[in-house]
Protein backbone atom coordinates (compact mmCIF):
# COMPACT_ATOMS: atom_id res chain seq x y z
CA UNK A 1 0.00 0.00 0.00
CA UNK A 2 1.30 3.41 -0.86
CA UNK A 3 2.05 5.92 1.84
CA UNK A 4 -0.62 8.27 0.46
CA UNK A 5 -3.30 5.56 0.64
CA UNK A 6 -2.34 4.66 4.22
CA UNK A 7 -2.36 8.35 5.17
CA UNK A 8 -5.87 8.67 3.65
CA UNK A 9 -7.09 5.69 5.67
CA UNK A 10 -5.47 6.95 8.84
CA UNK A 11 -6.66 10.54 8.65
CA UNK A 12 -10.01 10.17 6.91
CA UNK A 13 -11.58 6.76 7.25
CA UNK A 14 -10.18 5.89 10.66
CA UNK A 15 -10.39 9.37 12.14
CA UNK A 16 -11.99 9.72 15.57
CA UNK A 17 -15.51 8.36 15.37
CA UNK A 18 -17.33 9.16 18.65
CA UNK A 19 -20.69 8.95 16.88
CA UNK A 20 -20.25 5.52 15.33
CA UNK A 21 -23.50 3.71 14.64
CA UNK A 22 -22.21 0.90 12.48
CA UNK A 23 -24.53 -1.44 10.68
CA UNK A 24 -24.96 -4.88 12.29
CA UNK A 25 -24.51 -6.68 8.99
CA UNK A 26 -22.37 -9.60 10.10
CA UNK A 27 -22.11 -11.56 6.86
CA UNK A 28 -19.18 -9.79 5.23
CA UNK A 29 -16.25 -10.85 3.11
CA UNK A 30 -13.80 -10.55 6.00
CA UNK A 31 -12.85 -13.03 8.68
CA UNK A 32 -14.98 -13.21 11.78
CA UNK A 33 -13.73 -15.17 14.78
CA UNK A 34 -15.58 -16.26 17.89
CA UNK A 35 -14.23 -15.18 21.26
CA UNK A 36 -13.12 -18.78 21.85
CA UNK A 37 -11.21 -18.90 18.54
CA UNK A 38 -9.59 -15.58 19.39
CA UNK A 39 -8.57 -16.72 22.87
CA UNK A 40 -7.12 -19.96 21.47
CA UNK A 41 -5.10 -18.03 18.87
CA UNK A 42 -3.82 -15.61 21.49
CA UNK A 43 -2.85 -18.45 23.83
CA UNK A 44 -0.94 -20.09 20.98
CA UNK A 45 0.66 -16.70 20.16
CA UNK A 46 -0.69 -16.89 16.60
CA UNK A 47 -2.75 -13.68 16.85
CA UNK A 48 -2.89 -10.34 18.63
CA UNK A 49 -6.02 -8.72 20.06
CA UNK A 50 -6.82 -4.99 20.02
CA UNK A 51 -9.65 -3.62 22.18
CA UNK A 52 -10.99 -0.57 20.34
CA UNK A 53 -13.47 0.58 23.01
CA UNK A 54 -13.25 3.82 24.97
CA UNK A 55 -11.29 4.11 28.24
CA UNK A 56 -14.50 4.39 30.30
CA UNK A 57 -15.61 1.04 28.87
CA UNK A 58 -12.24 -0.53 29.67
CA UNK A 59 -12.55 0.62 33.28
CA UNK A 60 -16.14 -0.64 33.51
CA UNK A 61 -15.56 -4.23 32.35
CA UNK A 62 -11.81 -4.75 32.19
CA UNK A 63 -9.91 -5.79 29.08
CA UNK A 64 -9.31 -9.24 27.63
CA UNK A 65 -6.03 -10.54 29.02
CA UNK A 66 -3.25 -9.88 26.52
CA UNK A 67 -5.25 -7.35 24.49
CA UNK A 68 -3.82 -4.01 23.47
CA UNK A 69 -6.28 -1.22 24.32
CA UNK A 70 -6.45 1.37 21.51
CA UNK A 71 -9.30 3.89 21.85
CA UNK A 72 -10.91 4.28 18.43
CA UNK A 73 -11.97 7.86 19.29
CA UNK A 74 -8.33 8.88 19.77
CA UNK A 75 -7.01 11.13 16.95
CA UNK A 76 -4.06 8.73 16.48
CA UNK A 77 -6.20 5.59 16.31
CA UNK A 78 -5.46 4.77 12.66
CA UNK A 79 -1.73 5.26 13.10
CA UNK A 80 -1.74 3.12 16.25
CA UNK A 81 -3.86 0.40 14.64
CA UNK A 82 -1.40 0.02 11.75
CA UNK A 83 1.48 0.05 14.26
CA UNK A 84 -0.26 -2.80 16.12
CA UNK A 85 -0.48 -4.75 12.87
CA UNK A 86 3.21 -4.15 12.24
CA UNK A 87 4.05 -5.32 15.79
CA UNK A 88 1.96 -8.46 15.24
CA UNK A 89 4.68 -9.51 12.78
CA UNK A 90 2.44 -11.34 10.30
CA UNK A 91 -0.05 -12.67 12.85
CA UNK A 92 -3.68 -11.58 12.45
CA UNK A 93 -4.84 -8.66 14.57
CA UNK A 94 -8.29 -9.37 16.01
CA UNK A 95 -10.46 -6.35 16.79
CA UNK A 96 -12.84 -6.43 19.73
CA UNK A 97 -15.30 -3.86 21.05
CA UNK A 98 -18.37 -4.00 23.30
CA UNK A 99 -20.75 -6.05 21.11
CA UNK A 100 -19.05 -6.33 17.71
CA UNK A 101 -20.60 -3.37 15.92
CA UNK A 102 -17.64 -1.00 16.09
CA UNK A 103 -15.12 -3.70 15.24
CA UNK A 104 -17.33 -4.63 12.27
CA UNK A 105 -17.31 -0.98 11.20
CA UNK A 106 -13.51 -0.71 11.45
CA UNK A 107 -13.17 -3.98 9.55
CA UNK A 108 -15.27 -2.52 6.74
CA UNK A 109 -12.97 0.51 6.59
CA UNK A 110 -9.72 -1.44 6.45
CA UNK A 111 -11.23 -3.85 3.92
CA UNK A 112 -12.20 -0.95 1.67
CA UNK A 113 -8.60 0.18 1.86
CA UNK A 114 -7.55 -3.36 0.93
CA UNK A 115 -5.63 -3.72 4.17
CA UNK A 116 -4.87 -7.28 5.22
CA UNK A 117 -4.14 -8.81 8.57
CA UNK A 118 -7.26 -7.91 10.57
CA UNK A 119 -10.14 -10.05 11.83
CA UNK A 120 -13.35 -9.21 13.69
CA UNK A 121 -14.28 -10.79 17.04
CA UNK A 122 -17.99 -11.62 16.97
CA UNK A 123 -19.93 -10.69 20.07
CA UNK A 124 -17.23 -8.46 21.51
CA UNK A 125 -16.71 -8.21 25.24
CA UNK A 126 -20.39 -8.28 26.26
CA UNK A 127 -22.04 -10.40 23.58
CA UNK A 128 -24.69 -9.52 21.06
CA UNK A 129 -27.98 -11.29 20.50
CA UNK A 130 -27.21 -15.00 20.31
CA UNK A 131 -23.42 -14.48 20.16
CA UNK A 132 -21.63 -14.96 23.46
CA UNK A 133 -19.09 -12.32 24.42
CA UNK A 134 -15.67 -12.59 26.02
CA UNK A 135 -16.89 -11.93 29.56
CA UNK A 136 -19.87 -14.34 29.40
CA UNK A 137 -17.50 -17.00 28.08
CA UNK A 138 -15.46 -16.65 31.29
CA UNK A 139 -12.32 -15.82 29.36
CA UNK A 140 -9.55 -14.00 31.28
CA UNK A 141 -9.88 -10.27 31.87
CA UNK A 142 -7.44 -7.78 33.42
CA UNK A 143 -7.94 -4.24 34.66
CA UNK A 144 -7.52 -1.32 32.30
CA UNK A 145 -4.45 -0.21 34.27
CA UNK A 146 -2.77 -3.60 33.83
CA UNK A 147 -3.51 -3.68 30.08
CA UNK A 148 -2.37 -0.10 29.53
CA UNK A 149 0.88 -0.69 31.44
CA UNK A 150 1.64 -3.65 29.12
CA UNK A 151 1.23 -1.70 25.87
CA UNK A 152 4.30 -1.81 23.65
CA UNK A 153 5.98 1.63 23.46
CA UNK A 154 5.05 2.05 19.77
CA UNK A 155 1.36 1.97 20.73
CA UNK A 156 1.46 4.58 23.45
C-alpha atoms as a PDB file:
ATOM      1  CA  UNK A   1       0.000   0.000   0.000  1.00  0.00           C
ATOM      2  CA  UNK A   2       1.300   3.413  -0.862  1.00  0.00           C
ATOM      3  CA  UNK A   3       2.048   5.923   1.839  1.00  0.00           C
ATOM      4  CA  UNK A   4      -0.617   8.270   0.464  1.00  0.00           C
ATOM      5  CA  UNK A   5      -3.301   5.561   0.639  1.00  0.00           C
ATOM      6  CA  UNK A   6      -2.344   4.663   4.219  1.00  0.00           C
ATOM      7  CA  UNK A   7      -2.364   8.354   5.166  1.00  0.00           C
ATOM      8  CA  UNK A   8      -5.871   8.673   3.653  1.00  0.00           C
ATOM      9  CA  UNK A   9      -7.093   5.687   5.671  1.00  0.00           C
ATOM     10  CA  UNK A  10      -5.471   6.951   8.845  1.00  0.00           C
ATOM     11  CA  UNK A  11      -6.658  10.538   8.648  1.00  0.00           C
ATOM     12  CA  UNK A  12     -10.006  10.168   6.913  1.00  0.00           C
ATOM     13  CA  UNK A  13     -11.576   6.765   7.254  1.00  0.00           C
ATOM     14  CA  UNK A  14     -10.185   5.885  10.665  1.00  0.00           C
ATOM     15  CA  UNK A  15     -10.390   9.374  12.144  1.00  0.00           C
ATOM     16  CA  UNK A  16     -11.988   9.719  15.573  1.00  0.00           C
ATOM     17  CA  UNK A  17     -15.510   8.357  15.370  1.00  0.00           C
ATOM     18  CA  UNK A  18     -17.332   9.157  18.647  1.00  0.00           C
ATOM     19  CA  UNK A  19     -20.693   8.954  16.879  1.00  0.00           C
ATOM     20  CA  UNK A  20     -20.247   5.520  15.331  1.00  0.00           C
ATOM     21  CA  UNK A  21     -23.502   3.711  14.641  1.00  0.00           C
ATOM     22  CA  UNK A  22     -22.213   0.905  12.481  1.00  0.00           C
ATOM     23  CA  UNK A  23     -24.535  -1.437  10.676  1.00  0.00           C
ATOM     24  CA  UNK A  24     -24.957  -4.875  12.293  1.00  0.00           C
ATOM     25  CA  UNK A  25     -24.511  -6.678   8.989  1.00  0.00           C
ATOM     26  CA  UNK A  26     -22.373  -9.605  10.101  1.00  0.00           C
ATOM     27  CA  UNK A  27     -22.114 -11.559   6.856  1.00  0.00           C
ATOM     28  CA  UNK A  28     -19.183  -9.789   5.234  1.00  0.00           C
ATOM     29  CA  UNK A  29     -16.251 -10.849   3.110  1.00  0.00           C
ATOM     30  CA  UNK A  30     -13.801 -10.550   6.002  1.00  0.00           C
ATOM     31  CA  UNK A  31     -12.853 -13.030   8.676  1.00  0.00           C
ATOM     32  CA  UNK A  32     -14.978 -13.205  11.782  1.00  0.00           C
ATOM     33  CA  UNK A  33     -13.728 -15.171  14.782  1.00  0.00           C
ATOM     34  CA  UNK A  34     -15.581 -16.257  17.889  1.00  0.00           C
ATOM     35  CA  UNK A  35     -14.228 -15.184  21.259  1.00  0.00           C
ATOM     36  CA  UNK A  36     -13.122 -18.785  21.853  1.00  0.00           C
ATOM     37  CA  UNK A  37     -11.207 -18.905  18.542  1.00  0.00           C
ATOM     38  CA  UNK A  38      -9.587 -15.580  19.395  1.00  0.00           C
ATOM     39  CA  UNK A  39      -8.565 -16.719  22.868  1.00  0.00           C
ATOM     40  CA  UNK A  40      -7.119 -19.961  21.466  1.00  0.00           C
ATOM     41  CA  UNK A  41      -5.100 -18.034  18.868  1.00  0.00           C
ATOM     42  CA  UNK A  42      -3.819 -15.608  21.492  1.00  0.00           C
ATOM     43  CA  UNK A  43      -2.852 -18.446  23.826  1.00  0.00           C
ATOM     44  CA  UNK A  44      -0.940 -20.087  20.976  1.00  0.00           C
ATOM     45  CA  UNK A  45       0.656 -16.704  20.160  1.00  0.00           C
ATOM     46  CA  UNK A  46      -0.695 -16.891  16.602  1.00  0.00           C
ATOM     47  CA  UNK A  47      -2.753 -13.676  16.847  1.00  0.00           C
ATOM     48  CA  UNK A  48      -2.893 -10.339  18.632  1.00  0.00           C
ATOM     49  CA  UNK A  49      -6.023  -8.715  20.059  1.00  0.00           C
ATOM     50  CA  UNK A  50      -6.821  -4.988  20.021  1.00  0.00           C
ATOM     51  CA  UNK A  51      -9.648  -3.624  22.177  1.00  0.00           C
ATOM     52  CA  UNK A  52     -10.994  -0.567  20.337  1.00  0.00           C
ATOM     53  CA  UNK A  53     -13.467   0.580  23.006  1.00  0.00           C
ATOM     54  CA  UNK A  54     -13.254   3.825  24.974  1.00  0.00           C
ATOM     55  CA  UNK A  55     -11.295   4.111  28.244  1.00  0.00           C
ATOM     56  CA  UNK A  56     -14.501   4.387  30.303  1.00  0.00           C
ATOM     57  CA  UNK A  57     -15.612   1.040  28.869  1.00  0.00           C
ATOM     58  CA  UNK A  58     -12.238  -0.533  29.669  1.00  0.00           C
ATOM     59  CA  UNK A  59     -12.555   0.620  33.276  1.00  0.00           C
ATOM     60  CA  UNK A  60     -16.138  -0.636  33.514  1.00  0.00           C
ATOM     61  CA  UNK A  61     -15.560  -4.227  32.346  1.00  0.00           C
ATOM     62  CA  UNK A  62     -11.813  -4.747  32.194  1.00  0.00           C
ATOM     63  CA  UNK A  63      -9.913  -5.788  29.077  1.00  0.00           C
ATOM     64  CA  UNK A  64      -9.308  -9.238  27.632  1.00  0.00           C
ATOM     65  CA  UNK A  65      -6.029 -10.536  29.018  1.00  0.00           C
ATOM     66  CA  UNK A  66      -3.247  -9.883  26.517  1.00  0.00           C
ATOM     67  CA  UNK A  67      -5.251  -7.351  24.487  1.00  0.00           C
ATOM     68  CA  UNK A  68      -3.820  -4.007  23.471  1.00  0.00           C
ATOM     69  CA  UNK A  69      -6.284  -1.223  24.322  1.00  0.00           C
ATOM     70  CA  UNK A  70      -6.452   1.371  21.511  1.00  0.00           C
ATOM     71  CA  UNK A  71      -9.296   3.885  21.848  1.00  0.00           C
ATOM     72  CA  UNK A  72     -10.910   4.285  18.426  1.00  0.00           C
ATOM     73  CA  UNK A  73     -11.965   7.856  19.292  1.00  0.00           C
ATOM     74  CA  UNK A  74      -8.329   8.880  19.774  1.00  0.00           C
ATOM     75  CA  UNK A  75      -7.014  11.131  16.953  1.00  0.00           C
ATOM     76  CA  UNK A  76      -4.062   8.726  16.484  1.00  0.00           C
ATOM     77  CA  UNK A  77      -6.204   5.594  16.306  1.00  0.00           C
ATOM     78  CA  UNK A  78      -5.459   4.767  12.657  1.00  0.00           C
ATOM     79  CA  UNK A  79      -1.732   5.256  13.102  1.00  0.00           C
ATOM     80  CA  UNK A  80      -1.735   3.118  16.254  1.00  0.00           C
ATOM     81  CA  UNK A  81      -3.857   0.402  14.637  1.00  0.00           C
ATOM     82  CA  UNK A  82      -1.404   0.024  11.750  1.00  0.00           C
ATOM     83  CA  UNK A  83       1.477   0.047  14.257  1.00  0.00           C
ATOM     84  CA  UNK A  84      -0.265  -2.803  16.117  1.00  0.00           C
ATOM     85  CA  UNK A  85      -0.484  -4.752  12.873  1.00  0.00           C
ATOM     86  CA  UNK A  86       3.215  -4.155  12.242  1.00  0.00           C
ATOM     87  CA  UNK A  87       4.046  -5.317  15.789  1.00  0.00           C
ATOM     88  CA  UNK A  88       1.960  -8.457  15.241  1.00  0.00           C
ATOM     89  CA  UNK A  89       4.677  -9.513  12.782  1.00  0.00           C
ATOM     90  CA  UNK A  90       2.438 -11.337  10.305  1.00  0.00           C
ATOM     91  CA  UNK A  91      -0.046 -12.666  12.852  1.00  0.00           C
ATOM     92  CA  UNK A  92      -3.678 -11.576  12.446  1.00  0.00           C
ATOM     93  CA  UNK A  93      -4.843  -8.662  14.574  1.00  0.00           C
ATOM     94  CA  UNK A  94      -8.285  -9.374  16.006  1.00  0.00           C
ATOM     95  CA  UNK A  95     -10.459  -6.351  16.793  1.00  0.00           C
ATOM     96  CA  UNK A  96     -12.841  -6.433  19.734  1.00  0.00           C
ATOM     97  CA  UNK A  97     -15.304  -3.865  21.053  1.00  0.00           C
ATOM     98  CA  UNK A  98     -18.371  -4.002  23.300  1.00  0.00           C
ATOM     99  CA  UNK A  99     -20.746  -6.054  21.113  1.00  0.00           C
ATOM    100  CA  UNK A 100     -19.052  -6.332  17.707  1.00  0.00           C
ATOM    101  CA  UNK A 101     -20.600  -3.367  15.923  1.00  0.00           C
ATOM    102  CA  UNK A 102     -17.641  -1.001  16.093  1.00  0.00           C
ATOM    103  CA  UNK A 103     -15.121  -3.704  15.243  1.00  0.00           C
ATOM    104  CA  UNK A 104     -17.326  -4.629  12.268  1.00  0.00           C
ATOM    105  CA  UNK A 105     -17.312  -0.976  11.199  1.00  0.00           C
ATOM    106  CA  UNK A 106     -13.509  -0.705  11.445  1.00  0.00           C
ATOM    107  CA  UNK A 107     -13.166  -3.983   9.546  1.00  0.00           C
ATOM    108  CA  UNK A 108     -15.267  -2.516   6.735  1.00  0.00           C
ATOM    109  CA  UNK A 109     -12.972   0.512   6.585  1.00  0.00           C
ATOM    110  CA  UNK A 110      -9.717  -1.442   6.452  1.00  0.00           C
ATOM    111  CA  UNK A 111     -11.226  -3.850   3.917  1.00  0.00           C
ATOM    112  CA  UNK A 112     -12.204  -0.948   1.667  1.00  0.00           C
ATOM    113  CA  UNK A 113      -8.597   0.182   1.862  1.00  0.00           C
ATOM    114  CA  UNK A 114      -7.550  -3.362   0.934  1.00  0.00           C
ATOM    115  CA  UNK A 115      -5.629  -3.715   4.168  1.00  0.00           C
ATOM    116  CA  UNK A 116      -4.869  -7.278   5.221  1.00  0.00           C
ATOM    117  CA  UNK A 117      -4.141  -8.812   8.574  1.00  0.00           C
ATOM    118  CA  UNK A 118      -7.263  -7.909  10.570  1.00  0.00           C
ATOM    119  CA  UNK A 119     -10.144 -10.048  11.833  1.00  0.00           C
ATOM    120  CA  UNK A 120     -13.353  -9.206  13.691  1.00  0.00           C
ATOM    121  CA  UNK A 121     -14.279 -10.787  17.041  1.00  0.00           C
ATOM    122  CA  UNK A 122     -17.991 -11.621  16.969  1.00  0.00           C
ATOM    123  CA  UNK A 123     -19.927 -10.694  20.075  1.00  0.00           C
ATOM    124  CA  UNK A 124     -17.227  -8.456  21.513  1.00  0.00           C
ATOM    125  CA  UNK A 125     -16.706  -8.205  25.239  1.00  0.00           C
ATOM    126  CA  UNK A 126     -20.386  -8.283  26.259  1.00  0.00           C
ATOM    127  CA  UNK A 127     -22.042 -10.395  23.581  1.00  0.00           C
ATOM    128  CA  UNK A 128     -24.685  -9.519  21.057  1.00  0.00           C
ATOM    129  CA  UNK A 129     -27.983 -11.292  20.503  1.00  0.00           C
ATOM    130  CA  UNK A 130     -27.208 -14.995  20.315  1.00  0.00           C
ATOM    131  CA  UNK A 131     -23.423 -14.476  20.158  1.00  0.00           C
ATOM    132  CA  UNK A 132     -21.633 -14.958  23.456  1.00  0.00           C
ATOM    133  CA  UNK A 133     -19.092 -12.322  24.420  1.00  0.00           C
ATOM    134  CA  UNK A 134     -15.665 -12.592  26.018  1.00  0.00           C
ATOM    135  CA  UNK A 135     -16.894 -11.935  29.562  1.00  0.00           C
ATOM    136  CA  UNK A 136     -19.873 -14.343  29.395  1.00  0.00           C
ATOM    137  CA  UNK A 137     -17.499 -16.999  28.076  1.00  0.00           C
ATOM    138  CA  UNK A 138     -15.461 -16.650  31.291  1.00  0.00           C
ATOM    139  CA  UNK A 139     -12.319 -15.820  29.363  1.00  0.00           C
ATOM    140  CA  UNK A 140      -9.554 -14.003  31.283  1.00  0.00           C
ATOM    141  CA  UNK A 141      -9.881 -10.270  31.874  1.00  0.00           C
ATOM    142  CA  UNK A 142      -7.443  -7.781  33.422  1.00  0.00           C
ATOM    143  CA  UNK A 143      -7.943  -4.241  34.661  1.00  0.00           C
ATOM    144  CA  UNK A 144      -7.517  -1.316  32.296  1.00  0.00           C
ATOM    145  CA  UNK A 145      -4.453  -0.215  34.266  1.00  0.00           C
ATOM    146  CA  UNK A 146      -2.766  -3.598  33.826  1.00  0.00           C
ATOM    147  CA  UNK A 147      -3.513  -3.679  30.083  1.00  0.00           C
ATOM    148  CA  UNK A 148      -2.370  -0.096  29.526  1.00  0.00           C
ATOM    149  CA  UNK A 149       0.875  -0.689  31.437  1.00  0.00           C
ATOM    150  CA  UNK A 150       1.640  -3.653  29.124  1.00  0.00           C
ATOM    151  CA  UNK A 151       1.233  -1.696  25.874  1.00  0.00           C
ATOM    152  CA  UNK A 152       4.300  -1.810  23.648  1.00  0.00           C
ATOM    153  CA  UNK A 153       5.984   1.630  23.456  1.00  0.00           C
ATOM    154  CA  UNK A 154       5.045   2.047  19.768  1.00  0.00           C
ATOM    155  CA  UNK A 155       1.356   1.969  20.727  1.00  0.00           C
ATOM    156  CA  UNK A 156       1.462   4.580  23.454  1.00  0.00           C
END
